[in-house]
Amino acid sequence: MSRSKRSPSPLVPVQEADPDGEYQSPSKSQLKRQMAALQDLGERLVGLPDAKLRQLPLAERLYDAIREAQRITSHEGKRRQLQYVGKLMREAHVEPIQAMLAEWDGESMEQIAAFHQLELWRDRLLASDEHFTGFMDLYPHAQAQPLRALIRGARKEQAANAALLPGREPQRKHYRALFQEIKRLQAAPDAGSPSPDGDEDEH
């Protein structure tokens, strides 16, 4: 395993383009989502066997923190250690880690791109109701009422997480369920294109 002492450059949030093609700085909600994604990635690393971890380009502190999380058996102790792992993930170069995980998962670059499109659809549905009609046009087999319920639930979670006290674990049940539903709809035989950059802005 190639381990460095400490990565000097933290993960830089990616800027997203608005409908007019102009780039904007990430919002607080976008930063929160990125932190949540890093936390999820850290938790996945904790679930890997040591033989796999040693193949990843992990900083020594991060590797040691992951191994410690694997050894802890108490629920509260593991929760705190997972949070520490997530904090260290902010300093990691995640792209090569994700690339190796994707290779292990047998994912192609097309699958990775499709995954990001699903994430973008989820974020747009949460950001504004104006994208819902375009989404339903692409996925006419979707059930509108259950989908709206997932969106409302995820928005409530976002609002609650924004006011969360330090040390409290954020809720992401509906947030993750919404992603899984979009993924299921996209995989259906009669699904349309997963891209949110098509005609849905005209509705």
Protein backbone atom coordinates (compact mmCIF):
# COMPACT_ATOMS: atom_id res chain seq x y z
CA MET A 1 0.00 0.00 0.00
CA SER A 2 1.32 3.45 -0.87
CA ARG A 3 0.83 5.64 2.17
CA SER A 4 1.92 9.26 2.51
CA LYS A 5 2.36 11.22 5.71
CA ARG A 6 -0.42 13.71 4.97
CA SER A 7 -1.93 15.00 1.78
CA PRO A 8 -1.27 18.77 1.59
CA SER A 9 -4.16 19.63 -0.71
CA PRO A 10 -7.74 19.02 0.45
CA LEU A 11 -10.57 18.05 -1.82
CA VAL A 12 -11.68 21.09 -3.81
CA PRO A 13 -15.46 21.30 -4.34
CA VAL A 14 -16.38 21.12 -8.01
CA GLN A 15 -18.23 24.12 -9.37
CA GLU A 16 -21.48 23.44 -11.18
CA ALA A 17 -22.84 25.26 -14.21
CA ASP A 18 -26.18 27.02 -14.04
CA PRO A 19 -28.67 26.80 -16.96
CA ASP A 20 -26.95 29.82 -18.62
CA GLY A 21 -23.59 28.08 -18.66
CA GLU A 22 -22.04 30.27 -15.95
CA TYR A 23 -20.14 28.67 -13.09
CA GLN A 24 -21.07 29.40 -9.52
CA SER A 25 -19.40 28.71 -6.20
CA PRO A 26 -20.87 25.74 -4.32
CA SER A 27 -23.67 26.60 -1.91
CA LYS A 28 -23.79 25.54 1.73
CA SER A 29 -26.18 22.72 0.82
CA GLN A 30 -23.82 21.52 -1.92
CA LEU A 31 -20.92 21.54 0.53
CA LYS A 32 -23.00 19.55 3.02
CA ARG A 33 -23.77 16.98 0.31
CA GLN A 34 -20.09 16.72 -0.56
CA MET A 35 -19.20 16.20 3.10
CA ALA A 36 -21.90 13.52 3.33
CA ALA A 37 -20.48 11.80 0.24
CA LEU A 38 -17.00 11.80 1.80
CA GLN A 39 -18.44 10.37 5.00
CA ASP A 40 -20.15 7.59 3.02
CA LEU A 41 -16.91 6.87 1.16
CA GLY A 42 -15.03 6.66 4.46
CA GLU A 43 -17.59 4.23 5.86
CA ARG A 44 -17.19 2.07 2.78
CA LEU A 45 -13.42 1.98 3.30
CA VAL A 46 -13.97 0.85 6.88
CA GLY A 47 -15.87 -2.12 5.46
CA LEU A 48 -12.95 -3.25 3.29
CA PRO A 49 -10.50 -5.99 4.33
CA ASP A 50 -6.96 -4.92 5.13
CA ALA A 51 -5.63 -6.56 1.96
CA LYS A 52 -7.76 -4.17 -0.09
CA LEU A 53 -6.91 -1.13 2.04
CA ARG A 54 -3.20 -1.69 1.46
CA GLN A 55 -3.74 -1.38 -2.29
CA LEU A 56 -5.31 2.07 -1.96
CA PRO A 57 -3.36 5.37 -1.95
CA LEU A 58 -4.27 6.25 1.64
CA ALA A 59 -2.45 8.69 3.88
CA GLU A 60 -1.00 6.98 6.94
CA ARG A 61 -3.29 8.82 9.36
CA LEU A 62 -6.36 7.84 7.34
CA TYR A 63 -5.28 4.21 7.08
CA ASP A 64 -4.65 4.02 10.83
CA ALA A 65 -8.02 5.65 11.58
CA ILE A 66 -9.81 3.14 9.34
CA ARG A 67 -8.08 0.19 10.99
CA GLU A 68 -8.97 1.58 14.41
CA ALA A 69 -12.63 1.90 13.36
CA GLN A 70 -12.56 -1.74 12.30
CA ARG A 71 -11.30 -2.78 15.73
CA ILE A 72 -13.83 -0.81 17.80
CA THR A 73 -16.86 -2.85 18.88
CA SER A 74 -18.90 -0.36 20.94
CA HIS A 75 -21.61 1.46 18.97
CA GLU A 76 -20.81 4.95 20.26
CA GLY A 77 -17.07 4.47 19.95
CA LYS A 78 -17.40 3.27 16.35
CA ARG A 79 -19.74 6.17 15.51
CA ARG A 80 -17.19 8.71 16.74
CA GLN A 81 -14.35 6.97 14.94
CA LEU A 82 -16.36 6.91 11.70
CA GLN A 83 -16.88 10.66 12.05
CA TYR A 84 -13.12 11.06 12.48
CA VAL A 85 -12.53 8.97 9.35
CA GLY A 86 -14.98 11.22 7.48
CA LYS A 87 -13.08 14.29 8.68
CA LEU A 88 -9.80 12.86 7.40
CA MET A 89 -11.46 12.05 4.06
CA ARG A 90 -11.74 15.81 3.45
CA GLU A 91 -7.95 15.94 3.17
CA ALA A 92 -7.66 12.90 0.91
CA HIS A 93 -7.28 12.76 -2.86
CA VAL A 94 -10.47 10.79 -3.43
CA GLU A 95 -10.32 10.45 -7.22
CA PRO A 96 -7.72 7.63 -7.32
CA ILE A 97 -9.48 5.93 -4.40
CA GLN A 98 -12.82 6.07 -6.20
CA ALA A 99 -11.22 4.89 -9.43
CA MET A 100 -9.79 1.80 -7.75
CA LEU A 101 -13.06 1.05 -5.98
CA ALA A 102 -14.86 1.39 -9.30
CA GLU A 103 -12.38 -1.00 -10.90
CA TRP A 104 -13.02 -3.52 -8.14
CA ASP A 105 -16.73 -3.11 -8.61
CA GLY A 106 -16.34 -3.77 -12.32
CA GLU A 107 -17.80 -0.41 -13.19
CA SER A 108 -17.01 1.19 -16.52
CA MET A 109 -16.44 4.91 -17.06
CA GLU A 110 -19.90 5.03 -18.62
CA GLN A 111 -21.39 3.63 -15.42
CA ILE A 112 -19.56 6.21 -13.33
CA ALA A 113 -20.85 9.00 -15.58
CA ALA A 114 -24.37 7.60 -15.28
CA PHE A 115 -23.98 7.57 -11.48
CA HIS A 116 -23.12 11.27 -11.49
CA GLN A 117 -26.13 12.00 -13.71
CA LEU A 118 -28.35 10.24 -11.17
CA GLU A 119 -26.83 12.37 -8.41
CA LEU A 120 -27.49 15.51 -10.44
CA TRP A 121 -31.11 14.51 -11.01
CA ARG A 122 -31.57 13.92 -7.28
CA ASP A 123 -30.05 17.29 -6.42
CA ARG A 124 -32.20 19.13 -8.96
CA LEU A 125 -35.40 17.48 -7.77
CA LEU A 126 -34.54 18.54 -4.23
CA ALA A 127 -33.59 22.07 -5.28
CA SER A 128 -36.77 23.01 -7.15
CA ASP A 129 -40.18 21.63 -8.12
CA GLU A 130 -39.74 23.03 -11.62
CA HIS A 131 -37.62 20.00 -12.58
CA PHE A 132 -40.28 17.48 -11.55
CA THR A 133 -42.31 17.76 -14.78
CA GLY A 134 -39.26 17.21 -16.95
CA PHE A 135 -38.29 14.20 -14.88
CA MET A 136 -41.76 12.68 -15.23
CA ASP A 137 -41.62 13.26 -18.99
CA LEU A 138 -38.45 11.17 -19.16
CA TYR A 139 -39.77 8.52 -16.77
CA PRO A 140 -43.52 8.26 -17.46
CA HIS A 141 -43.60 4.90 -15.67
CA ALA A 142 -42.70 6.63 -12.39
CA GLN A 143 -45.39 7.00 -9.74
CA ALA A 144 -45.63 10.72 -9.03
CA GLN A 145 -47.14 10.60 -5.55
CA PRO A 146 -44.57 8.24 -3.92
CA LEU A 147 -41.78 10.14 -5.67
CA ARG A 148 -43.02 13.47 -4.32
CA ALA A 149 -43.21 11.91 -0.85
CA LEU A 150 -39.54 10.91 -1.08
CA ILE A 151 -38.60 14.41 -2.22
CA ARG A 152 -40.52 16.01 0.67
CA GLY A 153 -38.91 13.63 3.15
CA ALA A 154 -35.41 14.34 1.82
CA ARG A 155 -36.02 18.10 1.98
CA LYS A 156 -37.15 17.81 5.61
CA GLU A 157 -33.98 15.86 6.37
CA GLN A 158 -31.87 18.57 4.73
CA ALA A 159 -33.58 21.28 6.78
CA ALA A 160 -33.16 19.30 10.00
CA ASN A 161 -29.52 18.50 9.24
CA ALA A 162 -28.78 22.18 8.58
CA ALA A 163 -29.79 22.95 12.18
CA LEU A 164 -28.10 19.88 13.63
CA LEU A 165 -26.01 20.36 16.75
CA PRO A 166 -22.31 19.42 16.52
CA GLY A 167 -21.73 15.74 17.16
CA ARG A 168 -25.23 14.67 16.15
CA GLU A 169 -25.53 12.23 13.26
CA PRO A 170 -27.37 13.62 10.18
CA GLN A 171 -30.42 11.82 8.81
CA ARG A 172 -30.20 10.71 5.16
CA LYS A 173 -32.79 7.92 4.91
CA HIS A 174 -35.07 9.66 2.38
CA TYR A 175 -32.08 11.29 0.64
CA ARG A 176 -30.61 7.87 -0.12
CA ALA A 177 -34.00 6.34 -0.89
CA LEU A 178 -34.64 9.06 -3.49
CA PHE A 179 -31.37 8.23 -5.23
CA GLN A 180 -32.21 4.52 -5.26
CA GLU A 181 -35.65 5.25 -6.74
CA ILE A 182 -34.14 7.38 -9.52
CA LYS A 183 -31.63 4.61 -10.18
CA ARG A 184 -34.43 2.02 -10.33
CA LEU A 185 -36.45 4.14 -12.75
CA GLN A 186 -33.44 4.75 -14.96
CA ALA A 187 -32.70 1.02 -15.14
CA ALA A 188 -36.26 0.12 -16.19
CA PRO A 189 -36.63 -1.12 -19.81
CA ASP A 190 -38.80 1.85 -20.84
CA ALA A 191 -36.65 4.50 -19.13
CA GLY A 192 -35.66 7.68 -20.91
CA SER A 193 -32.30 9.42 -20.83
CA PRO A 194 -30.98 10.11 -17.32
CA SER A 195 -29.45 13.44 -18.38
CA PRO A 196 -30.96 16.49 -16.65
CA ASP A 197 -29.53 18.81 -19.30
CA GLY A 198 -32.11 18.11 -21.97
CA ASP A 199 -35.57 19.56 -22.58
CA GLU A 200 -36.84 19.54 -19.03
CA ASP A 201 -35.83 23.18 -18.48
CA GLU A 202 -38.46 24.19 -21.04
CA HIS A 203 -41.38 22.83 -18.98
